[in-house]
Amino acid sequence: MTDSAPIYDDKAHVRGNLDLSGAKWIRSDEGAEEEEEHVEIAFVEHTDGVTYTAMRNSAQPDGTVLVFTPAEWEAFILGVKDGEFDEPW
């Protein structure tokens, strides 16, 4: 049996408890057609005082929402700026 690394979940207290009902969703491309799919984000403050970034697909507003801590969001943005997610072709 191999030991695995311990799992640190810094959002366990937020998961399922982040109130998105008043979220102001921002689209990734304000100039695109309305019927196209978009990535949307919202900055949502939790009762712990931390503002989390929520991300969803505009075509499925009641679907899965990804939640990022401030550090995770910063790492994601830096990766985008660095081309980490660019298409290989």
N, C-alpha and C. Protein backbone atom coordinates (compact mmCIF):
# COMPACT_ATOMS: atom_id res chain seq x y z
N MET A 1 0.84 -1.18 0.00
CA MET A 1 0.00 0.00 0.00
C MET A 1 0.88 1.24 0.00
N THR A 2 0.56 2.19 -0.86
CA THR A 2 1.34 3.42 -0.91
C THR A 2 0.61 4.52 -0.17
N ASP A 3 1.39 5.37 0.45
CA ASP A 3 0.80 6.51 1.14
C ASP A 3 0.54 7.61 0.13
N SER A 4 -0.56 8.28 0.30
CA SER A 4 -0.84 9.41 -0.58
C SER A 4 -0.63 10.70 0.21
N ALA A 5 -0.47 11.76 -0.52
CA ALA A 5 -0.28 13.06 0.11
C ALA A 5 -1.56 13.46 0.82
N PRO A 6 -1.45 14.15 1.93
CA PRO A 6 -2.67 14.60 2.61
C PRO A 6 -3.42 15.60 1.73
N ILE A 7 -4.70 15.58 1.84
CA ILE A 7 -5.54 16.50 1.05
C ILE A 7 -5.87 17.70 1.92
N TYR A 8 -5.55 18.87 1.42
CA TYR A 8 -5.88 20.10 2.12
C TYR A 8 -6.99 20.78 1.35
N ASP A 9 -8.13 20.90 1.96
CA ASP A 9 -9.29 21.51 1.32
C ASP A 9 -9.58 22.84 1.98
N ASP A 10 -9.08 23.92 1.39
CA ASP A 10 -9.26 25.23 1.99
C ASP A 10 -10.61 25.86 1.66
N LYS A 11 -11.49 25.11 0.99
CA LYS A 11 -12.83 25.61 0.69
C LYS A 11 -13.92 24.72 1.27
N ALA A 12 -13.57 23.79 2.14
CA ALA A 12 -14.57 22.87 2.68
C ALA A 12 -15.72 23.62 3.36
N HIS A 13 -15.41 24.70 4.06
CA HIS A 13 -16.45 25.45 4.76
C HIS A 13 -17.30 26.31 3.82
N VAL A 14 -16.83 26.48 2.58
CA VAL A 14 -17.54 27.29 1.60
C VAL A 14 -18.41 26.42 0.69
N ARG A 15 -17.91 25.25 0.39
CA ARG A 15 -18.58 24.36 -0.56
C ARG A 15 -20.04 24.15 -0.16
N GLY A 16 -20.95 24.50 -1.04
CA GLY A 16 -22.38 24.35 -0.78
C GLY A 16 -22.96 25.46 0.07
N ASN A 17 -22.14 26.38 0.54
CA ASN A 17 -22.61 27.46 1.42
C ASN A 17 -22.37 28.85 0.84
N LEU A 18 -21.94 28.94 -0.38
CA LEU A 18 -21.67 30.24 -1.00
C LEU A 18 -22.96 30.71 -1.66
N ASP A 19 -23.49 31.83 -1.22
CA ASP A 19 -24.76 32.35 -1.73
C ASP A 19 -24.53 33.07 -3.06
N LEU A 20 -24.96 32.44 -4.14
CA LEU A 20 -24.79 33.01 -5.47
C LEU A 20 -26.05 33.73 -5.97
N SER A 21 -27.08 33.79 -5.13
CA SER A 21 -28.35 34.37 -5.57
C SER A 21 -28.23 35.84 -5.96
N GLY A 22 -27.36 36.58 -5.33
CA GLY A 22 -27.18 37.98 -5.67
C GLY A 22 -25.95 38.27 -6.50
N ALA A 23 -25.34 37.22 -7.04
CA ALA A 23 -24.09 37.39 -7.81
C ALA A 23 -24.33 38.21 -9.06
N LYS A 24 -23.40 39.09 -9.35
CA LYS A 24 -23.43 39.89 -10.59
C LYS A 24 -22.45 39.23 -11.56
N TRP A 25 -22.99 38.46 -12.49
CA TRP A 25 -22.16 37.68 -13.41
C TRP A 25 -21.61 38.57 -14.52
N ILE A 26 -20.33 38.41 -14.80
CA ILE A 26 -19.62 39.18 -15.83
C ILE A 26 -19.25 38.21 -16.94
N ARG A 27 -19.53 38.58 -18.17
CA ARG A 27 -19.20 37.73 -19.32
C ARG A 27 -17.77 37.95 -19.77
N SER A 28 -17.19 36.88 -20.31
CA SER A 28 -15.80 36.94 -20.76
C SER A 28 -15.65 37.77 -22.02
N ASP A 29 -16.70 37.87 -22.82
CA ASP A 29 -16.63 38.63 -24.08
C ASP A 29 -17.89 39.46 -24.22
N GLU A 30 -17.82 40.68 -23.74
CA GLU A 30 -18.99 41.55 -23.75
C GLU A 30 -19.50 41.84 -25.16
N GLY A 31 -18.65 41.75 -26.18
CA GLY A 31 -19.06 42.08 -27.53
C GLY A 31 -19.61 40.92 -28.34
N ALA A 32 -19.65 39.73 -27.78
CA ALA A 32 -20.10 38.55 -28.53
C ALA A 32 -21.62 38.49 -28.61
N GLU A 33 -22.10 37.64 -29.49
CA GLU A 33 -23.53 37.46 -29.66
C GLU A 33 -24.16 36.90 -28.38
N GLU A 34 -25.37 37.32 -28.10
CA GLU A 34 -26.07 36.92 -26.87
C GLU A 34 -26.29 35.41 -26.80
N GLU A 35 -26.60 34.77 -27.93
CA GLU A 35 -26.93 33.35 -27.91
C GLU A 35 -25.70 32.44 -27.84
N GLU A 36 -24.52 32.99 -27.98
CA GLU A 36 -23.30 32.18 -27.88
C GLU A 36 -23.03 31.82 -26.42
N GLU A 37 -22.29 30.71 -26.24
CA GLU A 37 -21.87 30.34 -24.90
C GLU A 37 -20.73 31.25 -24.45
N HIS A 38 -20.73 31.58 -23.19
CA HIS A 38 -19.70 32.43 -22.61
C HIS A 38 -19.26 31.85 -21.28
N VAL A 39 -18.06 32.19 -20.90
CA VAL A 39 -17.62 31.95 -19.52
C VAL A 39 -18.04 33.19 -18.74
N GLU A 40 -18.66 32.98 -17.61
CA GLU A 40 -19.08 34.09 -16.75
C GLU A 40 -18.41 33.93 -15.39
N ILE A 41 -18.04 35.07 -14.81
CA ILE A 41 -17.48 35.04 -13.46
C ILE A 41 -18.24 36.02 -12.57
N ALA A 42 -18.18 35.77 -11.28
CA ALA A 42 -18.75 36.68 -10.30
C ALA A 42 -17.85 36.66 -9.07
N PHE A 43 -17.69 37.80 -8.46
CA PHE A 43 -16.92 37.92 -7.23
C PHE A 43 -17.93 37.94 -6.08
N VAL A 44 -17.86 36.92 -5.23
CA VAL A 44 -18.89 36.72 -4.21
C VAL A 44 -18.25 36.68 -2.82
N GLU A 45 -18.70 37.56 -1.96
CA GLU A 45 -18.18 37.57 -0.59
C GLU A 45 -18.90 36.52 0.25
N HIS A 46 -18.12 35.80 1.02
CA HIS A 46 -18.65 34.76 1.91
C HIS A 46 -18.70 35.32 3.32
N THR A 47 -19.42 34.66 4.19
CA THR A 47 -19.51 35.12 5.59
C THR A 47 -18.17 35.06 6.31
N ASP A 48 -17.18 34.34 5.74
CA ASP A 48 -15.85 34.30 6.35
C ASP A 48 -15.02 35.54 6.02
N GLY A 49 -15.62 36.46 5.23
CA GLY A 49 -14.94 37.71 4.87
C GLY A 49 -14.09 37.63 3.62
N VAL A 50 -13.97 36.45 3.04
CA VAL A 50 -13.17 36.25 1.83
C VAL A 50 -14.07 36.41 0.60
N THR A 51 -13.56 37.09 -0.42
CA THR A 51 -14.29 37.19 -1.68
C THR A 51 -13.78 36.11 -2.61
N TYR A 52 -14.66 35.19 -2.95
CA TYR A 52 -14.33 34.08 -3.84
C TYR A 52 -14.74 34.43 -5.26
N THR A 53 -14.10 33.80 -6.23
CA THR A 53 -14.48 33.98 -7.63
C THR A 53 -15.23 32.74 -8.08
N ALA A 54 -16.44 32.95 -8.57
CA ALA A 54 -17.26 31.87 -9.09
C ALA A 54 -17.22 31.93 -10.62
N MET A 55 -17.21 30.77 -11.27
CA MET A 55 -17.15 30.71 -12.73
C MET A 55 -18.19 29.69 -13.22
N ARG A 56 -18.91 30.07 -14.28
CA ARG A 56 -19.92 29.17 -14.84
C ARG A 56 -20.02 29.34 -16.35
N ASN A 57 -20.74 28.43 -16.99
CA ASN A 57 -21.04 28.48 -18.41
C ASN A 57 -22.37 29.19 -18.57
N SER A 58 -22.42 30.25 -19.37
CA SER A 58 -23.65 31.02 -19.53
C SER A 58 -24.79 30.20 -20.13
N ALA A 59 -24.47 29.17 -20.89
CA ALA A 59 -25.51 28.33 -21.50
C ALA A 59 -26.16 27.42 -20.46
N GLN A 60 -25.52 27.26 -19.31
CA GLN A 60 -26.06 26.41 -18.24
C GLN A 60 -25.97 27.16 -16.90
N PRO A 61 -26.73 28.24 -16.76
CA PRO A 61 -26.60 29.07 -15.56
C PRO A 61 -26.94 28.35 -14.25
N ASP A 62 -27.70 27.28 -14.34
CA ASP A 62 -28.02 26.51 -13.13
C ASP A 62 -27.15 25.27 -13.01
N GLY A 63 -26.13 25.18 -13.87
CA GLY A 63 -25.24 24.02 -13.87
C GLY A 63 -24.10 24.19 -12.88
N THR A 64 -23.02 23.50 -13.15
CA THR A 64 -21.85 23.49 -12.29
C THR A 64 -21.22 24.89 -12.20
N VAL A 65 -20.83 25.26 -10.99
CA VAL A 65 -20.12 26.52 -10.75
C VAL A 65 -18.79 26.16 -10.11
N LEU A 66 -17.71 26.63 -10.71
CA LEU A 66 -16.38 26.45 -10.13
C LEU A 66 -16.13 27.62 -9.18
N VAL A 67 -15.52 27.33 -8.05
CA VAL A 67 -15.23 28.37 -7.06
C VAL A 67 -13.73 28.40 -6.80
N PHE A 68 -13.17 29.59 -6.88
CA PHE A 68 -11.74 29.79 -6.69
C PHE A 68 -11.48 30.67 -5.47
N THR A 69 -10.48 30.32 -4.68
CA THR A 69 -10.01 31.21 -3.61
C THR A 69 -9.26 32.36 -4.30
N PRO A 70 -8.99 33.44 -3.57
CA PRO A 70 -8.20 34.52 -4.18
C PRO A 70 -6.85 34.03 -4.72
N ALA A 71 -6.17 33.16 -4.00
CA ALA A 71 -4.87 32.65 -4.47
C ALA A 71 -5.03 31.79 -5.72
N GLU A 72 -6.06 30.96 -5.76
CA GLU A 72 -6.30 30.13 -6.94
C GLU A 72 -6.64 30.99 -8.15
N TRP A 73 -7.46 32.03 -7.93
CA TRP A 73 -7.84 32.90 -9.04
C TRP A 73 -6.62 33.65 -9.58
N GLU A 74 -5.77 34.12 -8.69
CA GLU A 74 -4.55 34.81 -9.11
C GLU A 74 -3.66 33.87 -9.93
N ALA A 75 -3.50 32.62 -9.48
CA ALA A 75 -2.70 31.64 -10.22
C ALA A 75 -3.31 31.36 -11.59
N PHE A 76 -4.63 31.26 -11.64
CA PHE A 76 -5.32 31.03 -12.91
C PHE A 76 -5.08 32.19 -13.88
N ILE A 77 -5.25 33.41 -13.42
CA ILE A 77 -5.06 34.60 -14.27
C ILE A 77 -3.61 34.68 -14.75
N LEU A 78 -2.66 34.41 -13.87
CA LEU A 78 -1.25 34.43 -14.28
C LEU A 78 -0.98 33.35 -15.34
N GLY A 79 -1.60 32.18 -15.20
CA GLY A 79 -1.46 31.13 -16.19
C GLY A 79 -2.05 31.53 -17.53
N VAL A 80 -3.19 32.21 -17.51
CA VAL A 80 -3.80 32.70 -18.75
C VAL A 80 -2.88 33.69 -19.43
N LYS A 81 -2.37 34.65 -18.67
CA LYS A 81 -1.48 35.67 -19.22
C LYS A 81 -0.19 35.06 -19.77
N ASP A 82 0.24 33.96 -19.17
CA ASP A 82 1.47 33.29 -19.59
C ASP A 82 1.25 32.34 -20.77
N GLY A 83 -0.01 32.17 -21.21
CA GLY A 83 -0.30 31.30 -22.34
C GLY A 83 -0.45 29.84 -21.96
N GLU A 84 -0.57 29.54 -20.69
CA GLU A 84 -0.65 28.17 -20.22
C GLU A 84 -1.85 27.41 -20.80
N PHE A 85 -2.91 28.11 -21.15
CA PHE A 85 -4.12 27.47 -21.63
C PHE A 85 -4.37 27.70 -23.12
N ASP A 86 -3.40 28.24 -23.83
CA ASP A 86 -3.55 28.49 -25.26
C ASP A 86 -3.66 27.18 -26.03
N GLU A 87 -4.41 27.22 -27.11
CA GLU A 87 -4.53 26.05 -27.99
C GLU A 87 -3.14 25.75 -28.57
N PRO A 88 -2.81 24.48 -28.74
CA PRO A 88 -1.47 24.12 -29.23
C PRO A 88 -1.27 24.38 -30.72
N TRP A 89 -2.30 24.67 -31.47
CA TRP A 89 -2.14 24.87 -32.91
C TRP A 89 -2.18 26.31 -33.30
